Amino acid sequence: MTSADFHEHPERVLLARIEEYHDTVPRHEARVEEHGPLTLFVRQGRGRPFHARPTQGWSGPPEAGDVRRVRARQRELGVPESFEWVAETTPALRAAVEETGLVVREHPLMVLDPSAPTVPVEEVAGTVSVRIPGVDDPVLAGALTVPHLAFADPGTRIGPAGTPQLAEAVEAGVGDESLEPAIPRIRAGLTVVAAAVEDGMALSAGQHQPLAGVSEIVGVGTLPAARRRGLALAVTAALVADARSRGVETVFLSAGDDAIARIYARLGFRRIGTALAAEPAE
């Protein structure tokens, strides 16, 4: 699109950038299987499994039969039957997915306003230090493990899991699936980790993944016992500052819900759409 297109349809241009990013990033670590209107990314090696999503540039709408075929292939491969997409760019996929029995969850899709000032991390971090750990930083293993504990106890309420549980999880290697693939990505600048650290322990952490001027902030999670201290906001502010320092023009994320989206809005993020994720009912 031209610059005139951007000024006339800025939301459409941003969504197109995000779609291209979502199609490109998994290709660095996955085998790609094209199934007509749907593309399945199959991770090579350890790490969180990928998902299926709409095929970039496909003209026709996905149908329930397409979804069933991909689900059958996912079962054959032994990977989760999961799909992710943007509601505004592939609206027909929701009905097709739901027809097969999958449950769809909505998440506010937010983009950082380019004109928003970078919030100084120290303004939101309080007494906790926030840093970007490298591969040799002893806090890295904890930073990659914290989200596992956070997402196991979702929400914003204060929970029981604290630093003793984090130490046990690190010792047990809970974050190994994140650590092993993260090391080469961190070295290559494809993954950047930020952590809020207190007494040598990562209380909150997250990542951004820069590629060709676009980066998604992912996996921001706080140790349940350390919630409601603004740590996730501080981590996100650090990730934003790092992304901008690398020349990233489009920074985006998917918020857990509207309440969390309001927190990200304090850093200059605004909602431009809805990210959808589908998986079997529990």
C-alpha atoms as a PDB file:
ATOM      1  CA  MET A   1       0.000   0.000   0.000  1.00  0.00           C
ATOM      2  CA  THR A   2       1.059   3.610  -0.561  1.00  0.00           C
ATOM      3  CA  SER A   3       1.402   6.327   2.072  1.00  0.00           C
ATOM      4  CA  ALA A   4      -1.951   7.652   0.871  1.00  0.00           C
ATOM      5  CA  ASP A   5      -3.502   4.259   1.638  1.00  0.00           C
ATOM      6  CA  PHE A   6      -2.037   4.397   5.152  1.00  0.00           C
ATOM      7  CA  HIS A   7      -3.541   7.818   5.876  1.00  0.00           C
ATOM      8  CA  GLU A   8      -6.905   6.759   4.457  1.00  0.00           C
ATOM      9  CA  HIS A   9      -7.022   3.254   6.005  1.00  0.00           C
ATOM     10  CA  PRO A  10      -4.476   3.162   8.872  1.00  0.00           C
ATOM     11  CA  GLU A  11      -6.221   0.353  10.740  1.00  0.00           C
ATOM     12  CA  ARG A  12      -6.305  -1.861   7.652  1.00  0.00           C
ATOM     13  CA  VAL A  13      -2.609  -1.268   7.006  1.00  0.00           C
ATOM     14  CA  LEU A  14      -1.700  -2.120  10.607  1.00  0.00           C
ATOM     15  CA  LEU A  15      -3.777  -5.293  10.509  1.00  0.00           C
ATOM     16  CA  ALA A  16      -2.091  -6.304   7.252  1.00  0.00           C
ATOM     17  CA  ARG A  17       1.327  -5.816   8.860  1.00  0.00           C
ATOM     18  CA  ILE A  18       0.304  -7.908  11.840  1.00  0.00           C
ATOM     19  CA  GLU A  19      -1.040 -10.683   9.603  1.00  0.00           C
ATOM     20  CA  GLU A  20       2.203 -10.784   7.630  1.00  0.00           C
ATOM     21  CA  TYR A  21       4.185 -10.885  10.879  1.00  0.00           C
ATOM     22  CA  HIS A  22       2.076 -13.761  12.250  1.00  0.00           C
ATOM     23  CA  ASP A  23       2.661 -15.689   9.042  1.00  0.00           C
ATOM     24  CA  THR A  24       6.418 -15.033   8.969  1.00  0.00           C
ATOM     25  CA  VAL A  25       7.585 -15.515  12.571  1.00  0.00           C
ATOM     26  CA  PRO A  26       6.726 -19.236  12.947  1.00  0.00           C
ATOM     27  CA  ARG A  27       8.534 -20.081   9.712  1.00  0.00           C
ATOM     28  CA  HIS A  28      11.885 -19.634  11.499  1.00  0.00           C
ATOM     29  CA  GLU A  29      11.159 -22.610  13.769  1.00  0.00           C
ATOM     30  CA  ALA A  30       8.409 -24.632  12.143  1.00  0.00           C
ATOM     31  CA  ARG A  31       7.608 -26.868   9.228  1.00  0.00           C
ATOM     32  CA  VAL A  32       4.808 -25.292   7.233  1.00  0.00           C
ATOM     33  CA  GLU A  33       1.884 -27.312   5.925  1.00  0.00           C
ATOM     34  CA  GLU A  34      -0.584 -25.616   3.607  1.00  0.00           C
ATOM     35  CA  HIS A  35      -4.148 -26.904   3.884  1.00  0.00           C
ATOM     36  CA  GLY A  36      -6.015 -24.659   1.459  1.00  0.00           C
ATOM     37  CA  PRO A  37      -7.355 -21.674   3.387  1.00  0.00           C
ATOM     38  CA  LEU A  38      -5.514 -22.750   6.549  1.00  0.00           C
ATOM     39  CA  THR A  39      -1.812 -23.030   7.305  1.00  0.00           C
ATOM     40  CA  LEU A  40      -0.476 -25.349  10.000  1.00  0.00           C
ATOM     41  CA  PHE A  41       2.857 -24.563  11.641  1.00  0.00           C
ATOM     42  CA  VAL A  42       4.564 -27.630  13.121  1.00  0.00           C
ATOM     43  CA  ARG A  43       7.397 -26.773  15.497  1.00  0.00           C
ATOM     44  CA  GLN A  44      10.759 -28.398  14.872  1.00  0.00           C
ATOM     45  CA  GLY A  45      12.418 -29.203  18.199  1.00  0.00           C
ATOM     46  CA  ARG A  46      11.362 -28.310  21.738  1.00  0.00           C
ATOM     47  CA  GLY A  47       9.204 -25.394  22.785  1.00  0.00           C
ATOM     48  CA  ARG A  48       5.597 -24.324  22.873  1.00  0.00           C
ATOM     49  CA  PRO A  49       3.657 -25.871  19.947  1.00  0.00           C
ATOM     50  CA  PHE A  50       2.465 -23.612  17.191  1.00  0.00           C
ATOM     51  CA  HIS A  51      -1.073 -23.447  15.843  1.00  0.00           C
ATOM     52  CA  ALA A  52      -3.013 -23.192  12.611  1.00  0.00           C
ATOM     53  CA  ARG A  53      -4.079 -19.863  11.162  1.00  0.00           C
ATOM     54  CA  PRO A  54      -5.513 -18.475   7.909  1.00  0.00           C
ATOM     55  CA  THR A  55      -3.348 -18.878   4.822  1.00  0.00           C
ATOM     56  CA  GLN A  56      -1.828 -15.564   3.812  1.00  0.00           C
ATOM     57  CA  GLY A  57      -3.350 -14.302   0.568  1.00  0.00           C
ATOM     58  CA  TRP A  58      -6.041 -16.999   0.289  1.00  0.00           C
ATOM     59  CA  SER A  59      -9.154 -15.579  -1.380  1.00  0.00           C
ATOM     60  CA  GLY A  60     -11.987 -17.865  -0.264  1.00  0.00           C
ATOM     61  CA  PRO A  61     -13.477 -18.149   3.243  1.00  0.00           C
ATOM     62  CA  PRO A  62     -12.527 -21.180   5.382  1.00  0.00           C
ATOM     63  CA  GLU A  63     -15.273 -23.743   5.938  1.00  0.00           C
ATOM     64  CA  ALA A  64     -15.921 -26.261   8.716  1.00  0.00           C
ATOM     65  CA  GLY A  65     -14.587 -29.070   6.531  1.00  0.00           C
ATOM     66  CA  ASP A  66     -11.263 -27.252   6.220  1.00  0.00           C
ATOM     67  CA  VAL A  67     -11.068 -26.924   9.993  1.00  0.00           C
ATOM     68  CA  ARG A  68     -11.902 -30.624  10.505  1.00  0.00           C
ATOM     69  CA  ARG A  69      -9.123 -31.672   8.127  1.00  0.00           C
ATOM     70  CA  VAL A  70      -6.562 -29.556   9.942  1.00  0.00           C
ATOM     71  CA  ARG A  71      -7.763 -30.832  13.323  1.00  0.00           C
ATOM     72  CA  ALA A  72      -7.370 -34.397  12.088  1.00  0.00           C
ATOM     73  CA  ARG A  73      -3.828 -33.591  10.970  1.00  0.00           C
ATOM     74  CA  GLN A  74      -3.038 -32.014  14.357  1.00  0.00           C
ATOM     75  CA  ARG A  75      -4.256 -35.163  16.121  1.00  0.00           C
ATOM     76  CA  GLU A  76      -2.147 -37.277  13.767  1.00  0.00           C
ATOM     77  CA  LEU A  77       0.911 -35.184  14.645  1.00  0.00           C
ATOM     78  CA  GLY A  78       0.137 -35.220  18.361  1.00  0.00           C
ATOM     79  CA  VAL A  79      -0.021 -31.415  18.635  1.00  0.00           C
ATOM     80  CA  PRO A  80      -2.769 -29.277  20.187  1.00  0.00           C
ATOM     81  CA  GLU A  81      -5.867 -28.648  18.083  1.00  0.00           C
ATOM     82  CA  SER A  82      -5.493 -24.886  18.234  1.00  0.00           C
ATOM     83  CA  PHE A  83      -6.182 -22.019  15.854  1.00  0.00           C
ATOM     84  CA  GLU A  84      -5.339 -18.328  16.103  1.00  0.00           C
ATOM     85  CA  TRP A  85      -6.433 -15.460  13.872  1.00  0.00           C
ATOM     86  CA  VAL A  86      -7.651 -11.860  13.747  1.00  0.00           C
ATOM     87  CA  ALA A  87     -11.425 -11.437  13.662  1.00  0.00           C
ATOM     88  CA  GLU A  88     -11.393  -8.433  11.350  1.00  0.00           C
ATOM     89  CA  THR A  89      -9.230 -10.021   8.651  1.00  0.00           C
ATOM     90  CA  THR A  90     -10.813 -13.501   8.548  1.00  0.00           C
ATOM     91  CA  PRO A  91     -14.361 -13.050   9.900  1.00  0.00           C
ATOM     92  CA  ALA A  92     -15.755 -16.284   8.425  1.00  0.00           C
ATOM     93  CA  LEU A  93     -13.343 -18.521  10.325  1.00  0.00           C
ATOM     94  CA  ARG A  94     -15.110 -18.161  13.658  1.00  0.00           C
ATOM     95  CA  ALA A  95     -18.334 -19.804  12.498  1.00  0.00           C
ATOM     96  CA  ALA A  96     -16.381 -22.590  10.766  1.00  0.00           C
ATOM     97  CA  VAL A  97     -14.313 -23.257  13.882  1.00  0.00           C
ATOM     98  CA  GLU A  98     -17.298 -23.219  16.220  1.00  0.00           C
ATOM     99  CA  GLU A  99     -19.181 -25.612  13.928  1.00  0.00           C
ATOM    100  CA  THR A 100     -16.503 -28.216  14.663  1.00  0.00           C
ATOM    101  CA  GLY A 101     -16.962 -27.831  18.424  1.00  0.00           C
ATOM    102  CA  LEU A 102     -13.956 -25.712  19.310  1.00  0.00           C
ATOM    103  CA  VAL A 103     -14.287 -22.940  21.892  1.00  0.00           C
ATOM    104  CA  VAL A 104     -13.283 -19.457  20.755  1.00  0.00           C
ATOM    105  CA  ARG A 105     -11.801 -16.896  23.144  1.00  0.00           C
ATOM    106  CA  GLU A 106     -11.515 -13.191  22.401  1.00  0.00           C
ATOM    107  CA  HIS A 107      -8.582 -10.941  23.264  1.00  0.00           C
ATOM    108  CA  PRO A 108      -8.240  -7.208  22.585  1.00  0.00           C
ATOM    109  CA  LEU A 109      -5.660  -6.683  19.844  1.00  0.00           C
ATOM    110  CA  MET A 110      -3.705  -3.533  20.643  1.00  0.00           C
ATOM    111  CA  VAL A 111      -1.078  -1.477  18.819  1.00  0.00           C
ATOM    112  CA  LEU A 112       1.249   1.084  20.351  1.00  0.00           C
ATOM    113  CA  ASP A 113       0.470   4.593  19.130  1.00  0.00           C
ATOM    114  CA  PRO A 114       3.661   5.742  17.346  1.00  0.00           C
ATOM    115  CA  SER A 115       3.204   9.222  18.822  1.00  0.00           C
ATOM    116  CA  ALA A 116       2.898   7.966  22.402  1.00  0.00           C
ATOM    117  CA  PRO A 117       5.879   8.981  24.544  1.00  0.00           C
ATOM    118  CA  THR A 118       8.032   6.158  25.868  1.00  0.00           C
ATOM    119  CA  VAL A 119       7.160   5.765  29.541  1.00  0.00           C
ATOM    120  CA  PRO A 120      10.340   5.691  31.663  1.00  0.00           C
ATOM    121  CA  VAL A 121      10.541   2.284  33.316  1.00  0.00           C
ATOM    122  CA  GLU A 122      11.519   3.790  36.653  1.00  0.00           C
ATOM    123  CA  GLU A 123       8.217   5.695  36.759  1.00  0.00           C
ATOM    124  CA  VAL A 124       6.237   2.446  36.949  1.00  0.00           C
ATOM    125  CA  ALA A 125       8.728  -0.001  38.445  1.00  0.00           C
ATOM    126  CA  GLY A 126       8.741   1.325  42.008  1.00  0.00           C
ATOM    127  CA  THR A 127      11.547  -0.250  44.044  1.00  0.00           C
ATOM    128  CA  VAL A 128      11.962  -3.246  41.737  1.00  0.00           C
ATOM    129  CA  SER A 129      14.690  -3.205  39.105  1.00  0.00           C
ATOM    130  CA  VAL A 130      13.763  -4.073  35.530  1.00  0.00           C
ATOM    131  CA  ARG A 131      16.380  -5.320  33.104  1.00  0.00           C
ATOM    132  CA  ILE A 132      16.942  -7.140  29.830  1.00  0.00           C
ATOM    133  CA  PRO A 133      18.777 -10.353  30.803  1.00  0.00           C
ATOM    134  CA  GLY A 134      21.242 -11.834  28.366  1.00  0.00           C
ATOM    135  CA  VAL A 135      21.934 -15.519  27.901  1.00  0.00           C
ATOM    136  CA  ASP A 136      24.554 -15.523  30.673  1.00  0.00           C
ATOM    137  CA  ASP A 137      22.397 -13.660  33.207  1.00  0.00           C
ATOM    138  CA  PRO A 138      21.480 -15.972  36.131  1.00  0.00           C
ATOM    139  CA  VAL A 139      18.016 -14.425  36.279  1.00  0.00           C
ATOM    140  CA  LEU A 140      17.134 -15.617  32.754  1.00  0.00           C
ATOM    141  CA  ALA A 141      15.939 -19.096  33.793  1.00  0.00           C
ATOM    142  CA  GLY A 142      13.568 -17.553  36.335  1.00  0.00           C
ATOM    143  CA  ALA A 143      12.377 -14.979  33.809  1.00  0.00           C
ATOM    144  CA  LEU A 144      11.434 -17.761  31.391  1.00  0.00           C
ATOM    145  CA  THR A 145       9.762 -19.791  34.164  1.00  0.00           C
ATOM    146  CA  VAL A 146       7.658 -17.038  35.789  1.00  0.00           C
ATOM    147  CA  PRO A 147       5.035 -17.014  32.993  1.00  0.00           C
ATOM    148  CA  HIS A 148       4.412 -20.756  33.496  1.00  0.00           C
ATOM    149  CA  LEU A 149       3.420 -20.082  37.111  1.00  0.00           C
ATOM    150  CA  ALA A 150       1.473 -16.971  36.150  1.00  0.00           C
ATOM    151  CA  PHE A 151      -0.599 -18.632  33.436  1.00  0.00           C
ATOM    152  CA  ALA A 152      -1.261 -21.669  35.636  1.00  0.00           C
ATOM    153  CA  ASP A 153      -3.124 -19.283  37.967  1.00  0.00           C
ATOM    154  CA  PRO A 154      -4.718 -16.835  35.505  1.00  0.00           C
ATOM    155  CA  GLY A 155      -6.244 -13.503  36.348  1.00  0.00           C
ATOM    156  CA  THR A 156      -5.058 -10.539  38.352  1.00  0.00           C
ATOM    157  CA  ARG A 157      -5.816 -11.681  41.892  1.00  0.00           C
ATOM    158  CA  ILE A 158      -2.943 -12.331  44.287  1.00  0.00           C
ATOM    159  CA  GLY A 159      -2.228 -16.065  44.410  1.00  0.00           C
ATOM    160  CA  PRO A 160      -0.209 -18.462  46.545  1.00  0.00           C
ATOM    161  CA  ALA A 161       2.715 -19.127  44.204  1.00  0.00           C
ATOM    162  CA  GLY A 162       5.681 -17.016  45.317  1.00  0.00           C
ATOM    163  CA  THR A 163       9.472 -17.051  45.187  1.00  0.00           C
ATOM    164  CA  PRO A 164       9.820 -20.457  46.914  1.00  0.00           C
ATOM    165  CA  GLN A 165       7.609 -22.008  44.244  1.00  0.00           C
ATOM    166  CA  LEU A 166       9.535 -20.175  41.534  1.00  0.00           C
ATOM    167  CA  ALA A 167      12.843 -21.498  42.881  1.00  0.00           C
ATOM    168  CA  GLU A 168      11.408 -25.017  42.916  1.00  0.00           C
ATOM    169  CA  ALA A 169      10.101 -24.641  39.363  1.00  0.00           C
ATOM    170  CA  VAL A 170      13.483 -23.399  38.113  1.00  0.00           C
ATOM    171  CA  GLU A 171      15.204 -26.295  39.876  1.00  0.00           C
ATOM    172  CA  ALA A 172      12.732 -28.737  38.329  1.00  0.00           C
ATOM    173  CA  GLY A 173      13.404 -27.284  34.898  1.00  0.00           C
ATOM    174  CA  VAL A 174       9.842 -26.069  34.297  1.00  0.00           C
ATOM    175  CA  GLY A 175      11.167 -23.371  31.985  1.00  0.00           C
ATOM    176  CA  ASP A 176      13.431 -25.723  30.023  1.00  0.00           C
ATOM    177  CA  GLU A 177      11.034 -25.800  27.068  1.00  0.00           C
ATOM    178  CA  SER A 178      11.314 -22.025  26.938  1.00  0.00           C
ATOM    179  CA  LEU A 179      15.011 -21.800  27.772  1.00  0.00           C
ATOM    180  CA  GLU A 180      16.453 -24.140  25.162  1.00  0.00           C
ATOM    181  CA  PRO A 181      14.867 -22.530  22.072  1.00  0.00           C
ATOM    182  CA  ALA A 182      15.171 -19.043  23.566  1.00  0.00           C
ATOM    183  CA  ILE A 183      18.979 -19.037  23.802  1.00  0.00           C
ATOM    184  CA  PRO A 184      19.741 -18.960  20.053  1.00  0.00           C
ATOM    185  CA  ARG A 185      16.836 -16.561  19.477  1.00  0.00           C
ATOM    186  CA  ILE A 186      18.154 -14.165  22.141  1.00  0.00           C
ATOM    187  CA  ARG A 187      21.639 -14.341  20.666  1.00  0.00           C
ATOM    188  CA  ALA A 188      20.208 -13.593  17.206  1.00  0.00           C
ATOM    189  CA  GLY A 189      18.095 -10.692  18.484  1.00  0.00           C
ATOM    190  CA  LEU A 190      14.842 -12.443  17.538  1.00  0.00           C
ATOM    191  CA  THR A 191      13.645 -12.678  21.146  1.00  0.00           C
ATOM    192  CA  VAL A 192      14.155 -10.066  23.845  1.00  0.00           C
ATOM    193  CA  VAL A 193      13.299 -10.866  27.476  1.00  0.00           C
ATOM    194  CA  ALA A 194      12.574  -8.262  30.157  1.00  0.00           C
ATOM    195  CA  ALA A 195      12.310  -9.102  33.857  1.00  0.00           C
ATOM    196  CA  ALA A 196      11.324  -7.274  37.031  1.00  0.00           C
ATOM    197  CA  VAL A 197      13.873  -8.478  39.572  1.00  0.00           C
ATOM    198  CA  GLU A 198      13.894  -8.298  43.356  1.00  0.00           C
ATOM    199  CA  ASP A 199      16.458 -10.000  45.600  1.00  0.00           C
ATOM    200  CA  GLY A 200      17.831 -11.827  42.590  1.00  0.00           C
ATOM    201  CA  MET A 201      14.473 -13.352  41.592  1.00  0.00           C
ATOM    202  CA  ALA A 202      12.361 -12.545  38.535  1.00  0.00           C
ATOM    203  CA  LEU A 203       8.930 -11.569  39.845  1.00  0.00           C
ATOM    204  CA  SER A 204       7.521 -10.688  36.440  1.00  0.00           C
ATOM    205  CA  ALA A 205       8.749 -11.201  32.890  1.00  0.00           C
ATOM    206  CA  GLY A 206       7.783 -11.029  29.248  1.00  0.00           C
ATOM    207  CA  GLN A 207       9.224 -10.978  25.746  1.00  0.00           C
ATOM    208  CA  HIS A 208       9.059  -9.162  22.452  1.00  0.00           C
ATOM    209  CA  GLN A 209      10.027 -10.658  19.110  1.00  0.00           C
ATOM    210  CA  PRO A 210      11.270  -8.075  16.597  1.00  0.00           C
ATOM    211  CA  LEU A 211      11.198  -8.836  12.896  1.00  0.00           C
ATOM    212  CA  ALA A 212      11.360  -6.427   9.966  1.00  0.00           C
ATOM    213  CA  GLY A 213      10.178  -3.376  11.877  1.00  0.00           C
ATOM    214  CA  VAL A 214       7.343  -5.163  13.708  1.00  0.00           C
ATOM    215  CA  SER A 215       7.361  -6.774  17.145  1.00  0.00           C
ATOM    216  CA  GLU A 216       4.796  -8.559  19.276  1.00  0.00           C
ATOM    217  CA  ILE A 217       4.940  -8.403  23.063  1.00  0.00           C
ATOM    218  CA  VAL A 218       4.126 -11.872  24.384  1.00  0.00           C
ATOM    219  CA  GLY A 219       4.094 -13.957  27.532  1.00  0.00           C
ATOM    220  CA  VAL A 220       3.984 -11.131  30.067  1.00  0.00           C
ATOM    221  CA  GLY A 221       3.237 -12.783  33.392  1.00  0.00           C
ATOM    222  CA  THR A 222       3.717 -11.988  37.086  1.00  0.00           C
ATOM    223  CA  LEU A 223       4.365 -14.391  39.916  1.00  0.00           C
ATOM    224  CA  PRO A 224       0.893 -14.720  41.529  1.00  0.00           C
ATOM    225  CA  ALA A 225       2.119 -13.690  45.000  1.00  0.00           C
ATOM    226  CA  ALA A 226       3.693 -10.521  43.515  1.00  0.00           C
ATOM    227  CA  ARG A 227       0.625  -9.269  41.634  1.00  0.00           C
ATOM    228  CA  ARG A 228      -0.965  -5.825  41.961  1.00  0.00           C
ATOM    229  CA  ARG A 229       2.378  -4.059  42.222  1.00  0.00           C
ATOM    230  CA  GLY A 230       2.474  -2.790  38.630  1.00  0.00           C
ATOM    231  CA  LEU A 231       5.243  -5.201  37.672  1.00  0.00           C
ATOM    232  CA  ALA A 232       3.699  -6.371  34.383  1.00  0.00           C
ATOM    233  CA  LEU A 233       3.288  -2.728  33.372  1.00  0.00           C
ATOM    234  CA  ALA A 234       6.960  -2.074  34.172  1.00  0.00           C
ATOM    235  CA  VAL A 235       8.060  -5.127  32.176  1.00  0.00           C
ATOM    236  CA  THR A 236       5.933  -4.039  29.223  1.00  0.00           C
ATOM    237  CA  ALA A 237       7.369  -0.507  29.425  1.00  0.00           C
ATOM    238  CA  ALA A 238      10.878  -1.993  29.272  1.00  0.00           C
ATOM    239  CA  LEU A 239       9.945  -4.119  26.259  1.00  0.00           C
ATOM    240  CA  VAL A 240       8.468  -1.091  24.498  1.00  0.00           C
ATOM    241  CA  ALA A 241      11.594   0.960  25.173  1.00  0.00           C
ATOM    242  CA  ASP A 242      13.814  -1.841  23.878  1.00  0.00           C
ATOM    243  CA  ALA A 243      11.694  -2.344  20.750  1.00  0.00           C
ATOM    244  CA  ARG A 244      11.850   1.350  19.936  1.00  0.00           C
ATOM    245  CA  SER A 245      15.609   1.392  20.512  1.00  0.00           C
ATOM    246  CA  ARG A 246      15.868  -1.289  17.810  1.00  0.00           C
ATOM    247  CA  GLY A 247      13.919   0.812  15.307  1.00  0.00           C
ATOM    248  CA  VAL A 248      10.685  -1.179  15.561  1.00  0.00           C
ATOM    249  CA  GLU A 249       7.836   0.847  14.061  1.00  0.00           C
ATOM    250  CA  THR A 250       4.849  -1.373  14.915  1.00  0.00           C
ATOM    251  CA  VAL A 251       4.580  -2.802  18.438  1.00  0.00           C
ATOM    252  CA  PHE A 252       1.483  -4.841  19.222  1.00  0.00           C
ATOM    253  CA  LEU A 253       0.074  -7.298  21.738  1.00  0.00           C
ATOM    254  CA  SER A 254      -3.037  -9.277  22.606  1.00  0.00           C
ATOM    255  CA  ALA A 255      -4.407  -8.410  26.044  1.00  0.00           C
ATOM    256  CA  GLY A 256      -5.974 -11.071  28.230  1.00  0.00           C
ATOM    257  CA  ASP A 257      -9.215  -9.135  28.617  1.00  0.00           C
ATOM    258  CA  ASP A 258     -10.625  -5.605  28.648  1.00  0.00           C
ATOM    259  CA  ALA A 259      -9.399  -4.924  32.204  1.00  0.00           C
ATOM    260  CA  ILE A 260      -5.833  -5.784  31.245  1.00  0.00           C
ATOM    261  CA  ALA A 261      -6.208  -3.798  28.014  1.00  0.00           C
ATOM    262  CA  ARG A 262      -6.902  -0.695  30.104  1.00  0.00           C
ATOM    263  CA  ILE A 263      -3.569  -1.202  31.863  1.00  0.00           C
ATOM    264  CA  TYR A 264      -1.697  -1.384  28.563  1.00  0.00           C
ATOM    265  CA  ALA A 265      -3.508   1.753  27.424  1.00  0.00           C
ATOM    266  CA  ARG A 266      -1.505   3.629  30.063  1.00  0.00           C
ATOM    267  CA  LEU A 267       1.589   2.978  27.956  1.00  0.00           C
ATOM    268  CA  GLY A 268      -0.030   4.245  24.749  1.00  0.00           C
ATOM    269  CA  PHE A 269      -1.548   1.046  23.344  1.00  0.00           C
ATOM    270  CA  ARG A 270      -4.914   1.325  21.628  1.00  0.00           C
ATOM    271  CA  ARG A 271      -7.277  -1.373  20.454  1.00  0.00           C
ATOM    272  CA  ILE A 272      -7.501  -1.952  16.706  1.00  0.00           C
ATOM    273  CA  GLY A 273      -9.206  -5.342  16.577  1.00  0.00           C
ATOM    274  CA  THR A 274      -9.844  -8.677  18.229  1.00  0.00           C
ATOM    275  CA  ALA A 275      -7.433 -11.587  18.367  1.00  0.00           C
ATOM    276  CA  LEU A 276      -9.231 -14.936  18.453  1.00  0.00           C
ATOM    277  CA  ALA A 277      -7.926 -18.258  19.767  1.00  0.00           C
ATOM    278  CA  ALA A 278      -9.773 -21.565  19.481  1.00  0.00           C
ATOM    279  CA  GLU A 279      -9.172 -24.904  21.155  1.00  0.00           C
ATOM    280  CA  PRO A 280     -11.231 -27.840  22.429  1.00  0.00           C
ATOM    281  CA  ALA A 281     -13.354 -27.291  25.515  1.00  0.00           C
ATOM    282  CA  GLU A 282     -11.651 -28.370  28.737  1.00  0.00           C
END
